[in-house]
């Protein structure tokens, strides 16, 4: 018996090929996409293809030095947004006429606690990560796979692309 829920099982069946074989390996996603597009333009059953990114690596781009000023500003801003959300929600249920006061109070309350939370977190890090960054996972190669019964036809068509033949005019 499987531990997958129905959604996971449906996704797994969408991402599965029967005896997949490689049609080609490309250095970037655009190359793999170009190959599948080429096959599609020639009426190849591309619903039997899959592009798989391999040799994954994490790339992290450092965006700024983290200072007390940035920490405080970030804590104030994020806390104020959360406070605004709560203030708006509370003002919906406030029967009085002081709805603006409730919203402003929520913003101030949230900003204060956002500042405190950010400051405590930064001071506890003891300077171990004094920078901000964004990161992503990227593949270094992309392989086009196809079900075994279409592999020969796909390779024949892609040999035309590799030979530099032009696309047929529509």
N, C-alpha and C. Protein backbone atom coordinates (compact mmCIF):
# COMPACT_ATOMS: atom_id res chain seq x y z
N UNK A 1 0.83 -1.17 0.00
CA UNK A 1 0.00 0.00 0.00
C UNK A 1 0.88 1.24 0.00
N UNK A 2 0.52 2.25 -0.77
CA UNK A 2 1.32 3.45 -0.93
C UNK A 2 0.97 4.49 0.13
N UNK A 3 1.98 5.28 0.52
CA UNK A 3 1.76 6.35 1.47
C UNK A 3 1.40 7.66 0.77
N UNK A 4 1.29 7.66 -0.55
CA UNK A 4 1.00 8.88 -1.29
C UNK A 4 -0.48 9.22 -1.22
N UNK A 5 -0.76 10.52 -1.10
CA UNK A 5 -2.15 10.93 -1.20
C UNK A 5 -2.52 11.01 -2.68
N UNK A 6 -3.80 11.14 -3.02
CA UNK A 6 -4.20 11.14 -4.44
C UNK A 6 -3.53 12.23 -5.27
N UNK A 7 -3.31 13.41 -4.68
CA UNK A 7 -2.66 14.49 -5.44
C UNK A 7 -1.21 14.13 -5.77
N UNK A 8 -0.50 13.55 -4.80
CA UNK A 8 0.89 13.14 -5.06
C UNK A 8 0.94 12.03 -6.10
N UNK A 9 0.00 11.11 -6.04
CA UNK A 9 -0.04 10.01 -7.01
C UNK A 9 -0.31 10.55 -8.41
N UNK A 10 -1.23 11.52 -8.53
CA UNK A 10 -1.53 12.11 -9.83
C UNK A 10 -0.32 12.84 -10.38
N UNK A 11 0.38 13.60 -9.53
CA UNK A 11 1.58 14.32 -9.96
C UNK A 11 2.67 13.34 -10.38
N UNK A 12 2.85 12.27 -9.62
CA UNK A 12 3.87 11.27 -9.95
C UNK A 12 3.57 10.61 -11.29
N UNK A 13 2.30 10.35 -11.58
CA UNK A 13 1.97 9.72 -12.86
C UNK A 13 2.18 10.70 -14.02
N UNK A 14 1.97 11.99 -13.77
CA UNK A 14 2.23 13.00 -14.81
C UNK A 14 3.72 13.11 -15.12
N UNK A 15 4.53 12.90 -14.10
CA UNK A 15 5.98 13.07 -14.26
C UNK A 15 6.70 11.76 -14.56
N UNK A 16 5.96 10.73 -14.88
CA UNK A 16 6.57 9.43 -15.13
C UNK A 16 6.53 9.10 -16.62
N UNK A 17 7.60 8.52 -17.09
CA UNK A 17 7.66 8.00 -18.45
C UNK A 17 7.91 6.50 -18.37
N UNK A 18 7.39 5.77 -19.35
CA UNK A 18 7.60 4.33 -19.41
C UNK A 18 8.93 4.06 -20.11
N UNK A 19 9.88 3.54 -19.38
CA UNK A 19 11.22 3.24 -19.90
C UNK A 19 11.83 4.44 -20.64
N UNK A 20 12.08 5.54 -19.93
CA UNK A 20 12.59 6.74 -20.60
C UNK A 20 13.98 6.54 -21.18
N UNK A 21 14.18 7.17 -22.35
CA UNK A 21 15.48 7.16 -23.00
C UNK A 21 15.86 8.59 -23.34
N UNK A 22 17.14 8.83 -23.40
CA UNK A 22 17.63 10.18 -23.63
C UNK A 22 17.63 10.53 -25.12
N UNK A 23 17.12 11.74 -25.41
CA UNK A 23 17.22 12.26 -26.78
C UNK A 23 18.39 13.21 -26.93
N UNK A 24 18.80 13.81 -25.82
CA UNK A 24 19.93 14.73 -25.87
C UNK A 24 20.14 15.42 -24.55
N UNK A 25 21.36 15.93 -24.37
CA UNK A 25 21.73 16.65 -23.16
C UNK A 25 22.16 18.04 -23.59
N UNK A 26 21.67 19.07 -22.87
CA UNK A 26 21.91 20.46 -23.24
C UNK A 26 22.51 21.22 -22.06
N UNK A 27 23.31 22.22 -22.39
CA UNK A 27 23.98 23.01 -21.35
C UNK A 27 23.05 23.99 -20.65
N UNK A 28 21.96 24.36 -21.30
CA UNK A 28 21.02 25.28 -20.67
C UNK A 28 19.59 24.88 -20.99
N UNK A 29 18.67 25.42 -20.23
CA UNK A 29 17.26 25.07 -20.40
C UNK A 29 16.75 25.48 -21.77
N UNK A 30 17.20 26.61 -22.27
CA UNK A 30 16.73 27.08 -23.57
C UNK A 30 17.07 26.10 -24.69
N UNK A 31 18.21 25.45 -24.59
CA UNK A 31 18.58 24.44 -25.59
C UNK A 31 17.64 23.25 -25.55
N UNK A 32 17.31 22.79 -24.35
CA UNK A 32 16.38 21.67 -24.22
C UNK A 32 14.98 22.08 -24.69
N UNK A 33 14.58 23.29 -24.34
CA UNK A 33 13.27 23.79 -24.76
C UNK A 33 13.21 23.91 -26.29
N UNK A 34 14.31 24.38 -26.88
CA UNK A 34 14.38 24.51 -28.34
C UNK A 34 14.23 23.15 -29.02
N UNK A 35 14.85 22.12 -28.44
CA UNK A 35 14.75 20.77 -29.00
C UNK A 35 13.31 20.25 -28.95
N UNK A 36 12.65 20.43 -27.81
CA UNK A 36 11.27 19.95 -27.69
C UNK A 36 10.35 20.76 -28.60
N UNK A 37 10.59 22.05 -28.72
CA UNK A 37 9.80 22.88 -29.62
C UNK A 37 9.99 22.43 -31.07
N UNK A 38 11.23 22.10 -31.43
CA UNK A 38 11.53 21.59 -32.77
C UNK A 38 10.75 20.31 -33.04
N UNK A 39 10.73 19.41 -32.04
CA UNK A 39 9.97 18.16 -32.19
C UNK A 39 8.47 18.44 -32.33
N UNK A 40 7.98 19.37 -31.55
CA UNK A 40 6.56 19.72 -31.59
C UNK A 40 6.16 20.26 -32.96
N UNK A 41 7.02 21.10 -33.54
CA UNK A 41 6.74 21.67 -34.86
C UNK A 41 6.66 20.60 -35.94
N UNK A 42 7.24 19.44 -35.68
CA UNK A 42 7.24 18.34 -36.65
C UNK A 42 6.25 17.24 -36.28
N UNK A 43 5.24 17.61 -35.50
CA UNK A 43 4.14 16.70 -35.13
C UNK A 43 4.60 15.50 -34.30
N UNK A 44 5.75 15.62 -33.63
CA UNK A 44 6.21 14.55 -32.74
C UNK A 44 5.33 14.57 -31.49
N UNK A 45 4.99 13.42 -30.92
CA UNK A 45 4.14 13.38 -29.72
C UNK A 45 4.91 13.83 -28.47
N UNK A 46 5.04 15.15 -28.32
CA UNK A 46 5.85 15.71 -27.24
C UNK A 46 5.26 15.45 -25.84
N UNK A 47 4.01 15.01 -25.77
CA UNK A 47 3.45 14.67 -24.47
C UNK A 47 4.15 13.46 -23.86
N UNK A 48 5.02 12.81 -24.63
CA UNK A 48 5.81 11.69 -24.15
C UNK A 48 7.24 12.09 -23.83
N UNK A 49 7.49 13.39 -23.75
CA UNK A 49 8.82 13.92 -23.45
C UNK A 49 8.86 14.52 -22.05
N UNK A 50 10.07 14.67 -21.57
CA UNK A 50 10.31 15.27 -20.28
C UNK A 50 11.67 15.97 -20.32
N UNK A 51 11.74 17.17 -19.75
CA UNK A 51 13.02 17.87 -19.61
C UNK A 51 13.42 17.73 -18.14
N UNK A 52 14.61 17.19 -17.91
CA UNK A 52 15.08 16.93 -16.55
C UNK A 52 16.37 17.71 -16.32
N UNK A 53 16.34 18.57 -15.31
CA UNK A 53 17.55 19.28 -14.90
C UNK A 53 18.38 18.37 -14.03
N UNK A 54 19.67 18.26 -14.32
CA UNK A 54 20.56 17.39 -13.54
C UNK A 54 21.74 18.19 -13.03
N UNK A 55 22.52 17.56 -12.17
CA UNK A 55 23.70 18.20 -11.55
C UNK A 55 23.28 19.52 -10.91
N UNK A 56 22.39 19.42 -9.94
CA UNK A 56 21.87 20.61 -9.29
C UNK A 56 22.91 21.24 -8.37
N UNK A 57 22.86 22.57 -8.31
CA UNK A 57 23.72 23.29 -7.37
C UNK A 57 22.96 24.50 -6.85
N UNK A 58 23.31 24.90 -5.64
CA UNK A 58 22.69 26.07 -5.05
C UNK A 58 23.58 27.27 -5.32
N UNK A 59 22.95 28.34 -5.81
CA UNK A 59 23.68 29.57 -6.08
C UNK A 59 23.11 30.64 -5.14
N UNK A 60 23.98 31.29 -4.40
CA UNK A 60 23.56 32.33 -3.48
C UNK A 60 24.23 33.64 -3.87
N UNK A 61 23.42 34.66 -4.09
CA UNK A 61 23.92 35.98 -4.47
C UNK A 61 23.82 36.89 -3.26
N UNK A 62 24.94 37.38 -2.78
CA UNK A 62 24.96 38.31 -1.65
C UNK A 62 24.48 39.66 -2.16
N UNK A 63 23.48 40.22 -1.47
CA UNK A 63 22.87 41.46 -1.95
C UNK A 63 23.27 42.68 -1.15
N UNK A 64 23.61 42.52 0.13
CA UNK A 64 23.97 43.69 0.94
C UNK A 64 24.61 43.26 2.24
N UNK A 65 25.33 44.18 2.84
CA UNK A 65 25.88 43.98 4.17
C UNK A 65 24.76 44.24 5.17
N UNK A 66 24.66 43.39 6.16
CA UNK A 66 23.63 43.55 7.17
C UNK A 66 24.16 44.41 8.31
N UNK A 67 23.47 45.52 8.56
CA UNK A 67 23.86 46.44 9.63
C UNK A 67 22.69 46.60 10.59
N UNK A 68 22.95 47.22 11.73
CA UNK A 68 21.87 47.47 12.69
C UNK A 68 20.79 48.34 12.05
N UNK A 69 21.17 49.29 11.23
CA UNK A 69 20.18 50.14 10.57
C UNK A 69 19.26 49.33 9.67
N UNK A 70 19.83 48.42 8.88
CA UNK A 70 19.00 47.58 8.01
C UNK A 70 18.11 46.64 8.83
N UNK A 71 18.64 46.11 9.91
CA UNK A 71 17.87 45.21 10.76
C UNK A 71 16.67 45.94 11.36
N UNK A 72 16.93 47.14 11.88
CA UNK A 72 15.85 47.92 12.50
C UNK A 72 14.81 48.31 11.46
N UNK A 73 15.26 48.80 10.30
CA UNK A 73 14.32 49.21 9.25
C UNK A 73 13.49 48.02 8.77
N UNK A 74 14.13 46.89 8.59
CA UNK A 74 13.42 45.69 8.13
C UNK A 74 12.41 45.22 9.18
N UNK A 75 12.81 45.21 10.45
CA UNK A 75 11.91 44.81 11.52
C UNK A 75 10.71 45.73 11.63
N UNK A 76 10.96 47.05 11.54
CA UNK A 76 9.86 48.01 11.59
C UNK A 76 8.89 47.80 10.42
N UNK A 77 9.45 47.66 9.23
CA UNK A 77 8.61 47.52 8.03
C UNK A 77 7.78 46.25 8.06
N UNK A 78 8.41 45.12 8.34
CA UNK A 78 7.65 43.86 8.34
C UNK A 78 6.64 43.83 9.48
N UNK A 79 7.02 44.36 10.64
CA UNK A 79 6.07 44.43 11.75
C UNK A 79 4.90 45.34 11.44
N UNK A 80 5.17 46.47 10.77
CA UNK A 80 4.09 47.40 10.42
C UNK A 80 3.10 46.76 9.45
N UNK A 81 3.62 45.98 8.48
CA UNK A 81 2.71 45.30 7.54
C UNK A 81 1.81 44.30 8.26
N UNK A 82 2.40 43.53 9.15
CA UNK A 82 1.60 42.56 9.91
C UNK A 82 0.60 43.30 10.80
N UNK A 83 1.06 44.39 11.42
CA UNK A 83 0.16 45.19 12.24
C UNK A 83 -0.98 45.80 11.44
N UNK A 84 -0.68 46.24 10.22
CA UNK A 84 -1.73 46.77 9.34
C UNK A 84 -2.77 45.69 9.05
N UNK A 85 -2.31 44.48 8.76
CA UNK A 85 -3.23 43.38 8.49
C UNK A 85 -4.14 43.12 9.69
N UNK A 86 -3.55 43.02 10.87
CA UNK A 86 -4.35 42.77 12.07
C UNK A 86 -5.26 43.96 12.38
N UNK A 87 -4.76 45.17 12.18
CA UNK A 87 -5.58 46.35 12.41
C UNK A 87 -6.79 46.38 11.49
N UNK A 88 -6.58 46.05 10.23
CA UNK A 88 -7.71 46.00 9.29
C UNK A 88 -8.72 44.93 9.68
N UNK A 89 -8.22 43.77 10.08
CA UNK A 89 -9.13 42.69 10.50
C UNK A 89 -9.92 43.08 11.74
N UNK A 90 -9.24 43.68 12.71
CA UNK A 90 -9.93 44.09 13.93
C UNK A 90 -10.94 45.21 13.66
N UNK A 91 -10.60 46.10 12.73
CA UNK A 91 -11.51 47.20 12.44
C UNK A 91 -12.80 46.70 11.78
N UNK A 92 -12.75 45.56 11.13
CA UNK A 92 -13.96 45.00 10.55
C UNK A 92 -14.98 44.60 11.61
N UNK A 93 -14.46 44.20 12.77
CA UNK A 93 -15.34 43.73 13.84
C UNK A 93 -15.57 44.79 14.92
N UNK A 94 -15.01 45.97 14.74
CA UNK A 94 -15.18 47.06 15.69
C UNK A 94 -16.49 47.78 15.42
N UNK A 95 -17.37 47.77 16.41
CA UNK A 95 -18.68 48.41 16.24
C UNK A 95 -18.59 49.92 16.41
N UNK A 96 -17.53 50.42 17.01
CA UNK A 96 -17.38 51.85 17.26
C UNK A 96 -16.96 52.61 16.01
N UNK A 97 -16.78 53.90 16.18
CA UNK A 97 -16.41 54.75 15.04
C UNK A 97 -14.92 55.01 14.98
N UNK A 98 -14.16 54.33 15.81
CA UNK A 98 -12.71 54.56 15.88
C UNK A 98 -11.93 53.55 15.05
N UNK A 99 -12.39 53.28 13.85
CA UNK A 99 -11.74 52.27 13.00
C UNK A 99 -10.33 52.70 12.62
N UNK A 100 -10.12 53.98 12.32
CA UNK A 100 -8.79 54.47 11.96
C UNK A 100 -7.83 54.32 13.12
N UNK A 101 -8.31 54.56 14.33
CA UNK A 101 -7.47 54.39 15.52
C UNK A 101 -7.04 52.95 15.71
N UNK A 102 -7.95 52.03 15.43
CA UNK A 102 -7.63 50.60 15.55
C UNK A 102 -6.56 50.22 14.52
N UNK A 103 -6.69 50.74 13.32
CA UNK A 103 -5.72 50.42 12.26
C UNK A 103 -4.36 51.01 12.60
N UNK A 104 -4.33 52.28 13.01
CA UNK A 104 -3.05 52.92 13.36
C UNK A 104 -2.43 52.23 14.56
N UNK A 105 -3.26 51.87 15.54
CA UNK A 105 -2.75 51.13 16.70
C UNK A 105 -2.14 49.80 16.30
N UNK A 106 -2.79 49.11 15.37
CA UNK A 106 -2.24 47.84 14.89
C UNK A 106 -0.89 48.03 14.21
N UNK A 107 -0.78 49.09 13.40
CA UNK A 107 0.49 49.36 12.72
C UNK A 107 1.59 49.65 13.74
N UNK A 108 1.30 50.51 14.72
CA UNK A 108 2.31 50.87 15.72
C UNK A 108 2.71 49.66 16.58
N UNK A 109 1.72 48.90 16.99
CA UNK A 109 1.96 47.71 17.80
C UNK A 109 2.81 46.70 17.01
N UNK A 110 2.43 46.47 15.75
CA UNK A 110 3.20 45.55 14.91
C UNK A 110 4.61 46.02 14.65
N UNK A 111 4.77 47.33 14.39
CA UNK A 111 6.11 47.88 14.14
C UNK A 111 7.00 47.70 15.36
N UNK A 112 6.45 47.95 16.54
CA UNK A 112 7.24 47.80 17.77
C UNK A 112 7.70 46.36 17.94
N UNK A 113 6.78 45.41 17.82
CA UNK A 113 7.16 44.02 18.02
C UNK A 113 8.03 43.50 16.88
N UNK A 114 7.83 43.99 15.67
CA UNK A 114 8.73 43.62 14.57
C UNK A 114 10.15 44.10 14.83
N UNK A 115 10.28 45.31 15.35
CA UNK A 115 11.60 45.85 15.69
C UNK A 115 12.26 45.03 16.77
N UNK A 116 11.52 44.71 17.84
CA UNK A 116 12.08 43.93 18.94
C UNK A 116 12.49 42.55 18.46
N UNK A 117 11.64 41.89 17.69
CA UNK A 117 11.93 40.54 17.19
C UNK A 117 13.18 40.54 16.30
N UNK A 118 13.27 41.52 15.40
CA UNK A 118 14.44 41.59 14.51
C UNK A 118 15.71 41.89 15.29
N UNK A 119 15.64 42.79 16.24
CA UNK A 119 16.82 43.16 17.02
C UNK A 119 17.31 42.00 17.87
N UNK A 120 16.40 41.29 18.50
CA UNK A 120 16.80 40.14 19.32
C UNK A 120 17.42 39.06 18.43
N UNK A 121 16.79 38.78 17.31
CA UNK A 121 17.34 37.77 16.39
C UNK A 121 18.72 38.13 15.88
N UNK A 122 18.92 39.39 15.52
CA UNK A 122 20.23 39.82 15.00
C UNK A 122 21.29 39.77 16.09
N UNK A 123 20.93 40.20 17.30
CA UNK A 123 21.93 40.19 18.38
C UNK A 123 22.30 38.76 18.77
N UNK A 124 21.37 37.83 18.64
CA UNK A 124 21.67 36.43 18.97
C UNK A 124 22.54 35.76 17.91
N UNK A 125 22.56 36.30 16.69
CA UNK A 125 23.39 35.70 15.64
C UNK A 125 24.87 35.97 15.88
N UNK A 126 25.19 36.93 16.70
CA UNK A 126 26.57 37.27 17.08
C UNK A 126 27.48 37.47 15.87
N UNK A 127 26.93 38.10 14.84
CA UNK A 127 27.74 38.46 13.68
C UNK A 127 28.12 37.30 12.78
N UNK A 128 27.46 36.16 12.91
CA UNK A 128 27.83 35.01 12.08
C UNK A 128 27.34 35.13 10.65
N UNK A 129 26.34 35.94 10.42
CA UNK A 129 25.83 36.09 9.05
C UNK A 129 25.42 37.55 8.86
N UNK A 130 26.41 38.39 8.65
CA UNK A 130 26.18 39.83 8.53
C UNK A 130 25.96 40.26 7.09
N UNK A 131 25.13 39.54 6.38
CA UNK A 131 24.80 39.92 5.01
C UNK A 131 23.42 39.38 4.66
N UNK A 132 22.82 39.99 3.64
CA UNK A 132 21.57 39.49 3.11
C UNK A 132 21.86 38.88 1.74
N UNK A 133 21.02 37.95 1.34
CA UNK A 133 21.27 37.28 0.07
C UNK A 133 19.98 36.68 -0.47
N UNK A 134 20.04 36.31 -1.73
CA UNK A 134 18.97 35.52 -2.36
C UNK A 134 19.64 34.28 -2.92
N UNK A 135 18.91 33.17 -2.89
CA UNK A 135 19.51 31.94 -3.39
C UNK A 135 18.49 31.19 -4.24
N UNK A 136 19.02 30.34 -5.08
CA UNK A 136 18.18 29.52 -5.94
C UNK A 136 18.93 28.22 -6.25
N UNK A 137 18.18 27.24 -6.68
CA UNK A 137 18.76 25.97 -7.12
C UNK A 137 18.74 25.97 -8.65
N UNK A 138 19.87 25.69 -9.26
CA UNK A 138 19.95 25.65 -10.72
C UNK A 138 20.55 24.33 -11.16
N UNK A 139 20.19 23.93 -12.36
CA UNK A 139 20.76 22.72 -12.96
C UNK A 139 21.90 23.13 -13.88
N UNK A 140 22.91 22.30 -13.97
CA UNK A 140 24.02 22.60 -14.87
C UNK A 140 23.86 21.92 -16.22
N UNK A 141 22.95 20.94 -16.28
CA UNK A 141 22.65 20.26 -17.54
C UNK A 141 21.17 19.96 -17.60
N UNK A 142 20.64 19.88 -18.81
CA UNK A 142 19.24 19.55 -19.02
C UNK A 142 19.16 18.43 -20.03
N UNK A 143 18.46 17.37 -19.66
CA UNK A 143 18.35 16.21 -20.53
C UNK A 143 16.90 16.06 -20.99
N UNK A 144 16.73 15.84 -22.29
CA UNK A 144 15.40 15.59 -22.83
C UNK A 144 15.22 14.08 -22.90
N UNK A 145 14.21 13.61 -22.17
CA UNK A 145 13.90 12.19 -22.14
C UNK A 145 12.59 11.94 -22.88
N UNK A 146 12.45 10.73 -23.40
CA UNK A 146 11.22 10.36 -24.11
C UNK A 146 10.94 8.90 -23.82
N UNK A 147 9.68 8.51 -23.94
CA UNK A 147 9.34 7.09 -23.78
C UNK A 147 10.05 6.29 -24.86
N UNK A 148 10.47 5.09 -24.51
CA UNK A 148 11.30 4.25 -25.38
C UNK A 148 10.72 4.05 -26.77
N UNK A 149 9.41 3.95 -26.87
CA UNK A 149 8.80 3.65 -28.18
C UNK A 149 8.89 4.82 -29.16
N UNK A 150 9.25 6.02 -28.68
CA UNK A 150 9.39 7.19 -29.56
C UNK A 150 10.84 7.67 -29.68
N UNK A 151 11.77 6.95 -29.04
CA UNK A 151 13.16 7.41 -28.96
C UNK A 151 13.81 7.50 -30.35
N UNK A 152 13.67 6.48 -31.17
CA UNK A 152 14.33 6.48 -32.48
C UNK A 152 13.80 7.61 -33.36
N UNK A 153 12.48 7.78 -33.38
CA UNK A 153 11.88 8.86 -34.17
C UNK A 153 12.36 10.23 -33.67
N UNK A 154 12.43 10.40 -32.37
CA UNK A 154 12.88 11.66 -31.81
C UNK A 154 14.33 11.97 -32.14
N UNK A 155 15.18 10.95 -32.05
CA UNK A 155 16.60 11.14 -32.39
C UNK A 155 16.77 11.50 -33.87
N UNK A 156 16.00 10.85 -34.73
CA UNK A 156 16.07 11.17 -36.16
C UNK A 156 15.69 12.62 -36.41
N UNK A 157 14.63 13.07 -35.78
CA UNK A 157 14.20 14.46 -35.97
C UNK A 157 15.22 15.44 -35.40
N UNK A 158 15.75 15.14 -34.23
CA UNK A 158 16.72 16.05 -33.62
C UNK A 158 18.04 16.08 -34.38
N UNK A 159 18.33 15.02 -35.12
CA UNK A 159 19.55 15.06 -35.94
C UNK A 159 19.44 16.14 -37.01
N UNK A 160 18.20 16.42 -37.47
CA UNK A 160 17.98 17.52 -38.42
C UNK A 160 18.27 18.86 -37.76
N UNK A 161 17.85 19.01 -36.51
CA UNK A 161 18.12 20.25 -35.77
C UNK A 161 19.61 20.41 -35.56
N UNK A 162 20.27 19.33 -35.18
CA UNK A 162 21.72 19.39 -34.94
C UNK A 162 22.49 19.64 -36.22
N UNK A 163 21.93 19.21 -37.36
CA UNK A 163 22.60 19.43 -38.65
C UNK A 163 22.40 20.86 -39.13
N UNK A 164 21.58 21.63 -38.41
CA UNK A 164 21.39 23.03 -38.76
C UNK A 164 20.32 23.26 -39.81
N UNK A 165 19.48 22.27 -40.05
CA UNK A 165 18.40 22.47 -41.02
C UNK A 165 17.40 23.47 -40.48
N UNK A 166 16.85 24.26 -41.35
CA UNK A 166 15.90 25.28 -40.97
C UNK A 166 14.53 24.68 -40.70
N UNK A 167 13.76 25.36 -39.88
CA UNK A 167 12.39 24.94 -39.61
C UNK A 167 11.56 25.13 -40.87
N UNK A 168 10.61 24.23 -41.08
CA UNK A 168 9.74 24.41 -42.23
C UNK A 168 8.88 25.67 -42.04
N UNK A 169 8.64 26.36 -43.12
CA UNK A 169 7.81 27.55 -43.06
C UNK A 169 6.35 27.17 -42.95
N UNK A 170 5.66 27.82 -42.05
CA UNK A 170 4.24 27.51 -41.83
C UNK A 170 3.37 28.23 -42.82
